[in-house]
Amino acid sequence: MAARSPQEWTAELAATGVNAVALTWVDNAGITRVKTVPTARLEHAARWGVGMSPVFDVFCVDDSITTSTHIGGPVGDLRLFPDLDALRVLAALPGWAWTPVNRLRQDRRTHPACQRSFAQRMVQLAEVDGLSFRMAFEIEWFVGLTGPEADGGDAVPACQGPAYGMTRVVELGAYVRDLLAALAEQGVPVDQFHPEYAAGQLELSTAATDPVSAADRLVLVRETIRAVSQAHGLRASFAPVVVPGAVGNGGHVHLSAWLSGHNLLAGGPGRYGLTGRGESMLAGLLAALPALCAISAPSVPSYLRLVPQRWAAPYQCWGRENREAALRLVTGTEGSQATAANAEVKCVDGSANPYLVAGALVAIATAAADRGLKLPPEVTVDPATLPPDEQPPRLPRSLTDAVRELDRDDVLGTALGEPLLAALLAVRRAEVELFKGQTPEQVAAASRWKY
């Protein structure tokens, strides 16, 4: 979409019946927060920002508030500056437009705990080394009934067909049609849609783009899914676990790394065509997965999902097309490798802040690019089927374990910076205490409709 000035946007939105603009950011608990302005105030917001307390960096999933070394309490102010290059008119929410924001201090300097700015900064640092990345988030969600059928907020699937079954498409044909139409109208390129494994679970994949735009796109798609679901009398959940013991909602990330127009995961002399830098990046990502989990699987319910043989990939290993390896190498159909080869990071779910995930992946890969790291032996089977003494290490089995790994990881700690890292860890620890002693059923019920 061509760049427009604030004045041009205001005039265009008003002429098309848009009355208000939603300005969103995602907090450390993975919740999309918002302030809105009437369309007539968009130009003012773009010039001066919209006020918002920094305390949202220490909000928890239940809206309780913790504190950290640098952030906490009612004192202070930030300004939300809309990124008008990313603005979209919301096809599924008539009269509304949406745009992500960057959070700046009143002196117009970047707020050090702004997650979107963190992702932008990591991309810029990679560009200094000539590196660029393409990224896409898979989006899985549960679509459920509302009303008497789902009394008390229970998860009652909106469709009854089998996993991956055409029956589900028939049952939800109008819903899916309206969702795809809304995304197309908003300029979101959808690669594919299909019913997923768990009851009432669906999945949608969008085209790869730069990391920050990929995170923006995830936010836009999720809010579009919510709006279309509501219009059809349904309810959407992106929670890691909707029903304990069942397959949960992932948010897997596909990424590729590029140098001078060449895909570093293809065309090289290494295994499956990996270049030296490409393999070093993957080895760095593999080694960092335990610490990354505090960002990519950042909630207590994340660890109800991250268990063996649930398609959640809870093992710290890699493999070509191994969907139970936390790092899956996708080489692409013969003849397409140069453009299609990518890595899928599978230990990501719907409670993650996509800007933190995108920035962290870029930071890890960039730091590893020139270290000459080598991948360990590939795992070519479901790791859970190996004898116990031959299984690869498990990823963290609790949020407490993941927090411990992140707290001692130098690469991610340095990349995030002390204010953002401290706030993020404070939220993680507060949520551990929030759910302490609760059963899986209680954890799922308390978080089911939060994400």
Protein backbone atom coordinates (compact mmCIF):
# COMPACT_ATOMS: atom_id res chain seq x y z
CA MET A 1 0.00 0.00 0.00
CA ALA A 2 1.43 3.38 -1.04
CA ALA A 3 2.44 5.72 1.76
CA ARG A 4 -0.08 8.41 2.63
CA SER A 5 0.28 11.46 4.79
CA PRO A 6 -1.83 11.77 7.96
CA GLN A 7 -3.98 14.35 6.21
CA GLU A 8 -4.54 12.04 3.24
CA TRP A 9 -5.40 9.13 5.50
CA THR A 10 -7.85 11.23 7.49
CA ALA A 11 -9.63 12.42 4.37
CA GLU A 12 -9.71 8.95 2.79
CA LEU A 13 -11.00 7.24 5.92
CA ALA A 14 -13.68 9.86 6.50
CA ALA A 15 -14.80 9.58 2.88
CA THR A 16 -15.22 5.81 3.19
CA GLY A 17 -17.23 5.93 6.41
CA VAL A 18 -14.48 5.04 8.88
CA ASN A 19 -15.26 6.76 12.16
CA ALA A 20 -12.49 5.50 14.44
CA VAL A 21 -9.00 4.03 14.39
CA ALA A 22 -7.78 1.33 16.78
CA LEU A 23 -4.16 1.83 17.89
CA THR A 24 -2.78 -1.47 19.20
CA TRP A 25 0.29 -2.83 20.89
CA VAL A 26 0.93 -6.25 22.46
CA ASP A 27 2.05 -6.43 26.07
CA ASN A 28 4.43 -8.85 27.76
CA ALA A 29 1.53 -11.11 28.75
CA GLY A 30 0.65 -11.56 25.07
CA ILE A 31 -2.54 -9.49 25.26
CA THR A 32 -3.32 -7.01 22.49
CA ARG A 33 -4.11 -3.69 24.18
CA VAL A 34 -5.70 -0.69 22.47
CA LYS A 35 -6.48 2.97 22.51
CA THR A 36 -8.72 4.44 19.85
CA VAL A 37 -9.11 7.86 18.29
CA PRO A 38 -11.89 9.29 16.14
CA THR A 39 -10.82 9.55 12.53
CA ALA A 40 -10.72 13.34 12.80
CA ARG A 41 -8.03 13.01 15.49
CA LEU A 42 -5.75 10.69 13.52
CA GLU A 43 -3.58 13.51 12.20
CA HIS A 44 -3.12 14.83 15.73
CA ALA A 45 -2.21 11.35 16.97
CA ALA A 46 0.34 10.90 14.20
CA ARG A 47 1.98 14.22 15.09
CA TRP A 48 1.88 14.17 18.89
CA GLY A 49 1.05 10.62 19.89
CA VAL A 50 -1.63 9.38 22.27
CA GLY A 51 -0.94 9.12 25.99
CA MET A 52 -0.67 5.76 27.73
CA SER A 53 0.91 4.63 30.99
CA PRO A 54 4.05 2.47 30.85
CA VAL A 55 2.50 0.27 33.54
CA PHE A 56 1.04 -1.99 30.84
CA ASP A 57 4.50 -3.52 30.49
CA VAL A 58 3.86 -5.24 33.83
CA PHE A 59 0.22 -6.24 33.28
CA CYS A 60 -0.50 -9.95 33.67
CA VAL A 61 -2.94 -12.07 31.72
CA ASP A 62 -5.69 -11.53 34.32
CA ASP A 63 -5.13 -7.74 34.31
CA SER A 64 -3.41 -7.83 37.69
CA ILE A 65 -0.32 -5.64 37.84
CA THR A 66 3.15 -6.58 39.01
CA THR A 67 6.25 -4.39 39.07
CA SER A 68 9.85 -4.50 37.90
CA THR A 69 13.11 -2.68 38.52
CA HIS A 70 12.44 -0.03 35.88
CA ILE A 71 8.68 -0.15 35.26
CA GLY A 72 5.67 -0.32 37.55
CA GLY A 73 3.13 1.87 39.30
CA PRO A 74 0.95 4.77 38.19
CA VAL A 75 3.66 7.37 37.55
CA GLY A 76 4.90 8.21 34.06
CA ASP A 77 3.56 8.55 30.54
CA LEU A 78 4.30 7.27 27.06
CA ARG A 79 3.01 8.34 23.67
CA LEU A 80 1.52 5.90 21.19
CA PHE A 81 2.59 6.84 17.65
CA PRO A 82 0.62 5.08 14.90
CA ASP A 83 2.54 3.54 12.02
CA LEU A 84 0.37 4.79 9.18
CA ASP A 85 2.25 2.69 6.62
CA ALA A 86 0.67 -0.34 8.29
CA LEU A 87 -2.84 1.11 8.62
CA ARG A 88 -5.70 -1.03 7.33
CA VAL A 89 -9.44 -0.48 7.09
CA LEU A 90 -11.12 -3.35 8.95
CA ALA A 91 -13.41 -5.17 6.57
CA ALA A 92 -14.96 -7.25 9.37
CA LEU A 93 -15.52 -4.32 11.71
CA PRO A 94 -17.42 -1.67 9.70
CA GLY A 95 -16.53 1.91 10.47
CA TRP A 96 -13.14 1.02 11.94
CA ALA A 97 -9.51 1.10 10.86
CA TRP A 98 -6.51 -0.37 12.64
CA THR A 99 -2.82 0.42 12.95
CA PRO A 100 0.02 -0.80 15.17
CA VAL A 101 1.92 1.72 17.25
CA ASN A 102 5.41 2.39 18.50
CA ARG A 103 5.65 3.60 22.07
CA LEU A 104 7.84 6.66 22.61
CA ARG A 105 8.68 8.72 25.64
CA GLN A 106 7.48 12.31 25.84
CA ASP A 107 10.90 13.46 24.61
CA ARG A 108 10.21 11.36 21.47
CA ARG A 109 12.92 8.86 22.29
CA THR A 110 11.98 5.20 21.94
CA HIS A 111 10.57 3.62 25.09
CA PRO A 112 13.21 0.98 25.98
CA ALA A 113 10.52 -1.63 26.68
CA CYS A 114 8.57 -1.12 23.43
CA GLN A 115 8.30 -4.61 21.95
CA ARG A 116 7.67 -3.48 18.38
CA SER A 117 10.64 -1.13 18.53
CA PHE A 118 12.75 -4.04 19.82
CA ALA A 119 11.87 -6.08 16.73
CA GLN A 120 12.63 -3.13 14.47
CA ARG A 121 15.99 -2.60 16.17
CA MET A 122 17.00 -6.25 15.72
CA VAL A 123 16.13 -6.07 12.00
CA GLN A 124 18.20 -2.91 11.63
CA LEU A 125 21.20 -4.48 13.39
CA ALA A 126 20.98 -7.49 11.07
CA GLU A 127 20.97 -5.17 8.07
CA VAL A 128 24.30 -3.72 9.21
CA ASP A 129 25.74 -7.20 8.55
CA GLY A 130 23.95 -7.38 5.20
CA LEU A 131 21.38 -9.86 6.50
CA SER A 132 17.64 -9.78 5.98
CA PHE A 133 14.91 -12.16 7.10
CA ARG A 134 11.55 -13.29 5.86
CA MET A 135 9.06 -14.61 8.36
CA ALA A 136 5.50 -15.89 8.69
CA PHE A 137 3.42 -17.01 11.65
CA GLU A 138 1.04 -19.94 11.41
CA ILE A 139 -2.26 -19.12 13.12
CA GLU A 140 -4.19 -21.86 14.87
CA TRP A 141 -7.41 -21.18 16.74
CA PHE A 142 -10.40 -22.87 18.32
CA VAL A 143 -13.79 -21.70 17.15
CA GLY A 144 -16.53 -22.35 19.65
CA LEU A 145 -20.21 -21.84 20.24
CA THR A 146 -21.64 -19.15 22.46
CA GLY A 147 -24.93 -18.97 24.34
CA PRO A 148 -26.62 -21.80 26.25
CA GLU A 149 -24.53 -24.45 24.48
CA ALA A 150 -21.37 -22.99 26.04
CA ASP A 151 -22.77 -21.96 29.39
CA GLY A 152 -20.08 -20.77 31.80
CA GLY A 153 -17.47 -20.20 29.12
CA ASP A 154 -16.94 -23.88 28.33
CA ALA A 155 -15.25 -24.84 25.08
CA VAL A 156 -17.98 -26.28 22.85
CA PRO A 157 -16.67 -26.76 19.28
CA ALA A 158 -18.56 -24.97 16.53
CA CYS A 159 -18.05 -27.92 14.18
CA GLN A 160 -18.13 -31.68 14.67
CA GLY A 161 -16.28 -32.97 11.62
CA PRO A 162 -13.09 -35.05 11.80
CA ALA A 163 -9.57 -33.64 11.93
CA TYR A 164 -8.60 -32.08 8.59
CA GLY A 165 -12.01 -33.16 7.31
CA MET A 166 -13.89 -31.46 4.51
CA THR A 167 -16.91 -31.87 6.78
CA ARG A 168 -15.65 -28.99 8.92
CA VAL A 169 -15.37 -26.76 5.87
CA VAL A 170 -18.95 -27.58 4.91
CA GLU A 171 -20.18 -26.92 8.45
CA LEU A 172 -18.35 -23.58 8.64
CA GLY A 173 -18.41 -22.67 4.95
CA ALA A 174 -20.01 -19.23 5.33
CA TYR A 175 -17.75 -18.39 8.27
CA VAL A 176 -14.56 -19.34 6.44
CA ARG A 177 -15.71 -17.58 3.26
CA ASP A 178 -16.36 -14.35 5.14
CA LEU A 179 -13.00 -14.59 6.92
CA LEU A 180 -11.04 -15.11 3.71
CA ALA A 181 -12.96 -12.28 2.01
CA ALA A 182 -12.23 -9.89 4.88
CA LEU A 183 -8.52 -10.74 4.87
CA ALA A 184 -8.32 -10.28 1.10
CA GLU A 185 -10.04 -6.89 1.38
CA GLN A 186 -7.48 -5.88 4.01
CA GLY A 187 -4.57 -6.86 1.76
CA VAL A 188 -3.53 -9.93 3.74
CA PRO A 189 -2.10 -12.62 1.41
CA VAL A 190 -3.37 -16.00 2.65
CA ASP A 191 -1.37 -19.01 1.49
CA GLN A 192 -3.74 -21.67 2.77
CA PHE A 193 -6.51 -22.52 5.23
CA HIS A 194 -7.48 -25.91 6.65
CA PRO A 195 -9.25 -27.59 9.56
CA GLU A 196 -6.75 -28.75 12.19
CA TYR A 197 -6.45 -31.76 14.48
CA ALA A 198 -8.24 -30.80 17.70
CA ALA A 199 -12.00 -30.44 17.92
CA GLY A 200 -13.12 -27.07 16.56
CA GLN A 201 -9.54 -26.16 15.60
CA LEU A 202 -8.67 -24.32 12.39
CA GLU A 203 -5.43 -23.03 10.88
CA LEU A 204 -4.52 -20.27 8.48
CA SER A 205 -1.12 -19.45 6.96
CA THR A 206 -0.14 -16.11 5.47
CA ALA A 207 2.68 -15.26 3.08
CA ALA A 208 6.15 -14.50 4.41
CA THR A 209 7.26 -10.90 4.74
CA ASP A 210 9.78 -8.92 6.81
CA PRO A 211 9.74 -9.78 10.55
CA VAL A 212 8.00 -6.64 11.83
CA SER A 213 5.33 -6.78 9.15
CA ALA A 214 4.84 -10.48 9.94
CA ALA A 215 4.13 -9.60 13.57
CA ASP A 216 1.81 -6.77 12.52
CA ARG A 217 0.02 -9.14 10.18
CA LEU A 218 -0.50 -11.70 12.96
CA VAL A 219 -2.19 -9.09 15.14
CA LEU A 220 -4.41 -7.96 12.27
CA VAL A 221 -5.39 -11.51 11.29
CA ARG A 222 -6.23 -12.51 14.85
CA GLU A 223 -8.45 -9.49 15.40
CA THR A 224 -10.12 -10.13 12.05
CA ILE A 225 -10.81 -13.71 13.10
CA ARG A 226 -12.36 -12.43 16.33
CA ALA A 227 -14.60 -9.98 14.48
CA VAL A 228 -15.78 -12.52 11.90
CA SER A 229 -16.37 -15.09 14.65
CA GLN A 230 -18.51 -12.64 16.60
CA ALA A 231 -20.48 -11.70 13.50
CA HIS A 232 -21.35 -15.39 13.09
CA GLY A 233 -22.31 -15.81 16.74
CA LEU A 234 -19.11 -17.73 17.47
CA ARG A 235 -16.10 -17.24 19.71
CA ALA A 236 -12.40 -17.65 18.88
CA SER A 237 -9.60 -18.72 21.20
CA PHE A 238 -5.88 -18.61 20.42
CA ALA A 239 -4.94 -19.96 23.86
CA PRO A 240 -2.15 -22.57 23.97
CA VAL A 241 -4.54 -25.05 25.55
CA VAL A 242 -8.31 -24.84 25.16
CA VAL A 243 -9.08 -28.28 26.60
CA PRO A 244 -6.44 -29.99 28.79
CA GLY A 245 -5.16 -33.23 27.33
CA ALA A 246 -6.03 -32.23 23.76
CA VAL A 247 -3.81 -30.78 21.06
CA GLY A 248 -3.33 -27.06 21.69
CA ASN A 249 -3.00 -23.98 19.51
CA GLY A 250 0.45 -23.37 18.09
CA GLY A 251 1.85 -20.23 16.54
CA HIS A 252 4.76 -21.76 14.66
CA VAL A 253 7.13 -19.38 12.90
CA HIS A 254 8.71 -19.98 9.50
CA LEU A 255 11.81 -17.94 8.74
CA SER A 256 14.50 -17.71 6.11
CA ALA A 257 17.70 -15.68 6.12
CA TRP A 258 19.03 -13.81 3.10
CA LEU A 259 22.34 -12.25 2.07
CA SER A 260 22.72 -10.29 -1.18
CA GLY A 261 19.51 -11.79 -2.54
CA HIS A 262 20.48 -15.38 -1.77
CA ASN A 263 18.67 -17.70 0.63
CA LEU A 264 21.20 -18.90 3.20
CA LEU A 265 19.20 -22.09 3.76
CA ALA A 266 19.59 -23.28 0.17
CA GLY A 267 22.23 -23.63 -2.54
CA GLY A 268 25.13 -24.33 -0.20
CA PRO A 269 27.53 -27.25 0.19
CA GLY A 270 26.12 -28.46 3.50
CA ARG A 271 23.41 -30.95 4.40
CA TYR A 272 20.23 -30.35 2.40
CA GLY A 273 21.89 -27.41 0.64
CA LEU A 274 22.61 -25.36 3.76
CA THR A 275 25.24 -22.67 3.44
CA GLY A 276 27.84 -22.29 6.18
CA ARG A 277 26.14 -19.22 7.56
CA GLY A 278 22.74 -20.82 7.27
CA GLU A 279 23.80 -23.87 9.25
CA SER A 280 25.46 -21.69 11.88
CA MET A 281 22.23 -19.71 12.26
CA LEU A 282 20.18 -22.88 12.70
CA ALA A 283 22.67 -24.27 15.20
CA GLY A 284 22.46 -21.01 17.15
CA LEU A 285 18.67 -21.13 17.13
CA LEU A 286 18.67 -24.75 18.26
CA ALA A 287 21.00 -23.99 21.17
CA ALA A 288 18.90 -20.99 22.23
CA LEU A 289 15.51 -22.73 22.22
CA PRO A 290 15.30 -23.30 26.01
CA ALA A 291 15.77 -19.56 26.65
CA LEU A 292 13.56 -18.63 23.71
CA CYS A 293 10.69 -20.58 25.28
CA ALA A 294 10.22 -17.82 27.88
CA ILE A 295 9.34 -15.59 24.91
CA SER A 296 7.75 -18.02 22.46
CA ALA A 297 5.89 -20.26 24.95
CA PRO A 298 5.54 -17.61 27.63
CA SER A 299 2.51 -18.61 29.69
CA VAL A 300 1.66 -21.22 32.29
CA PRO A 301 -0.77 -22.96 29.89
CA SER A 302 2.03 -23.11 27.29
CA TYR A 303 3.47 -26.02 29.24
CA LEU A 304 0.21 -27.94 29.18
CA ARG A 305 0.64 -27.89 25.40
CA LEU A 306 4.40 -28.47 25.14
CA VAL A 307 4.34 -32.23 25.78
CA PRO A 308 5.37 -35.23 23.66
CA GLN A 309 3.25 -36.64 20.85
CA ARG A 310 0.83 -33.72 20.68
CA TRP A 311 2.43 -32.12 17.59
CA ALA A 312 3.95 -29.48 19.88
CA ALA A 313 7.62 -30.45 19.32
CA PRO A 314 8.85 -30.38 22.94
CA TYR A 315 12.32 -31.73 22.17
CA GLN A 316 15.46 -29.66 21.58
CA CYS A 317 16.40 -31.21 18.27
CA TRP A 318 16.19 -30.58 14.55
CA GLY A 319 15.16 -32.60 11.53
CA ARG A 320 14.19 -32.21 7.93
CA GLU A 321 10.38 -32.31 7.82
CA ASN A 322 10.24 -33.70 11.37
CA ARG A 323 7.14 -32.16 12.94
CA GLU A 324 8.04 -33.33 16.43
CA ALA A 325 11.43 -31.61 16.33
CA ALA A 326 11.40 -28.10 17.77
CA LEU A 327 13.42 -26.91 14.75
CA ARG A 328 12.08 -28.28 11.48
CA LEU A 329 14.02 -27.73 8.26
CA VAL A 330 11.73 -27.24 5.27
CA THR A 331 13.66 -27.58 2.00
CA GLY A 332 10.74 -27.21 -0.38
CA THR A 333 9.66 -29.06 -3.49
CA GLU A 334 12.43 -30.03 -5.89
CA GLY A 335 13.24 -26.99 -8.01
CA SER A 336 11.87 -24.44 -5.52
CA GLN A 337 14.55 -24.68 -2.84
CA ALA A 338 16.21 -21.35 -3.61
CA THR A 339 13.09 -19.45 -2.63
CA ALA A 340 11.17 -21.97 -0.51
CA ALA A 341 13.76 -23.29 1.93
CA ASN A 342 13.04 -22.14 5.47
CA ALA A 343 13.18 -23.20 9.09
CA GLU A 344 10.12 -23.68 11.24
CA VAL A 345 10.42 -22.90 14.94
CA LYS A 346 7.64 -24.95 16.51
CA CYS A 347 7.85 -24.10 20.22
CA VAL A 348 5.69 -21.00 19.72
CA ASP A 349 2.05 -20.61 20.74
CA GLY A 350 -0.80 -18.13 20.77
CA SER A 351 0.11 -16.54 24.11
CA ALA A 352 3.37 -15.12 22.70
CA ASN A 353 3.96 -11.48 21.82
CA PRO A 354 4.79 -11.73 18.09
CA TYR A 355 7.11 -8.71 18.17
CA LEU A 356 9.19 -10.28 20.93
CA VAL A 357 9.29 -13.58 19.02
CA ALA A 358 10.30 -11.92 15.75
CA GLY A 359 12.96 -9.76 17.36
CA ALA A 360 14.37 -12.65 19.41
CA LEU A 361 14.66 -14.95 16.39
CA VAL A 362 16.45 -12.27 14.37
CA ALA A 363 18.78 -11.50 17.29
CA ILE A 364 19.73 -15.15 17.80
CA ALA A 365 20.25 -15.86 14.10
CA THR A 366 22.28 -12.72 13.50
CA ALA A 367 24.53 -13.41 16.49
CA ALA A 368 25.18 -16.96 15.24
CA ALA A 369 25.65 -16.21 11.53
CA ASP A 370 29.44 -15.87 11.52
CA ARG A 371 30.33 -18.21 14.39
CA GLY A 372 30.82 -21.29 12.21
CA LEU A 373 28.48 -23.40 14.34
CA LYS A 374 27.53 -26.91 13.23
CA LEU A 375 24.25 -28.68 13.71
CA PRO A 376 24.27 -31.84 15.81
CA PRO A 377 23.05 -35.12 14.28
CA GLU A 378 19.58 -34.90 12.81
CA VAL A 379 16.65 -36.64 14.52
CA THR A 380 14.71 -38.48 11.84
CA VAL A 381 11.97 -40.08 13.98
CA ASP A 382 9.49 -39.00 16.63
CA PRO A 383 11.88 -38.34 19.54
CA ALA A 384 9.39 -39.80 22.01
CA THR A 385 9.75 -43.22 20.36
CA LEU A 386 13.49 -43.41 21.03
CA PRO A 387 14.82 -45.24 24.09
CA PRO A 388 14.97 -42.81 27.02
CA ASP A 389 18.77 -42.66 27.00
CA GLU A 390 18.77 -41.79 23.28
CA GLN A 391 16.14 -39.07 23.36
CA PRO A 392 17.25 -35.48 22.77
CA PRO A 393 16.87 -33.02 25.65
CA ARG A 394 13.38 -31.85 26.49
CA LEU A 395 12.63 -28.17 26.25
CA PRO A 396 11.63 -26.51 29.54
CA ARG A 397 8.74 -28.33 31.19
CA SER A 398 7.43 -25.32 33.06
CA LEU A 399 7.41 -21.55 32.76
CA THR A 400 9.69 -21.39 35.81
CA ASP A 401 12.30 -23.45 33.97
CA ALA A 402 12.00 -21.31 30.84
CA VAL A 403 12.40 -18.09 32.86
CA ARG A 404 15.56 -19.48 34.43
CA GLU A 405 17.00 -20.20 30.97
CA LEU A 406 16.19 -16.72 29.64
CA ASP A 407 17.55 -15.00 32.73
CA ARG A 408 21.00 -16.48 32.05
CA ASP A 409 21.06 -16.14 28.24
CA ASP A 410 23.52 -13.42 27.26
CA VAL A 411 22.45 -13.01 23.62
CA LEU A 412 18.78 -12.48 24.34
CA GLY A 413 19.43 -10.53 27.51
CA THR A 414 21.67 -8.08 25.68
CA ALA A 415 19.30 -7.82 22.72
CA LEU A 416 16.23 -7.13 24.87
CA GLY A 417 17.97 -4.65 27.14
CA GLU A 418 17.55 -4.43 30.89
CA PRO A 419 14.22 -2.53 31.10
CA LEU A 420 12.39 -4.84 28.68
CA LEU A 421 13.99 -8.01 30.06
CA ALA A 422 13.20 -7.09 33.67
CA ALA A 423 9.57 -6.27 32.88
CA LEU A 424 9.14 -9.44 30.86
CA LEU A 425 10.63 -11.64 33.60
CA ALA A 426 8.50 -9.91 36.25
CA VAL A 427 5.33 -10.74 34.32
CA ARG A 428 6.41 -14.35 33.81
CA ARG A 429 7.14 -14.83 37.52
CA ALA A 430 3.91 -13.13 38.55
CA GLU A 431 1.91 -15.45 36.31
CA VAL A 432 3.65 -18.49 37.77
CA GLU A 433 2.41 -17.34 41.18
CA LEU A 434 -1.02 -16.51 39.78
CA PHE A 435 -1.60 -20.10 38.66
CA LYS A 436 0.30 -21.80 41.47
CA GLY A 437 -1.52 -24.87 42.74
CA GLN A 438 -4.20 -24.82 40.05
CA THR A 439 -5.18 -27.93 38.13
CA PRO A 440 -4.75 -28.11 34.35
CA GLU A 441 -8.51 -27.70 34.03
CA GLN A 442 -8.45 -24.53 36.14
CA VAL A 443 -5.50 -23.09 34.20
CA ALA A 444 -7.20 -23.77 30.87
CA ALA A 445 -10.51 -22.30 32.00
CA ALA A 446 -8.86 -19.14 33.35
CA SER A 447 -6.85 -18.49 30.18
CA ARG A 448 -9.11 -19.95 27.46
CA TRP A 449 -10.65 -16.67 26.30
CA LYS A 450 -7.78 -14.33 27.22
CA TYR A 451 -5.71 -14.80 24.04
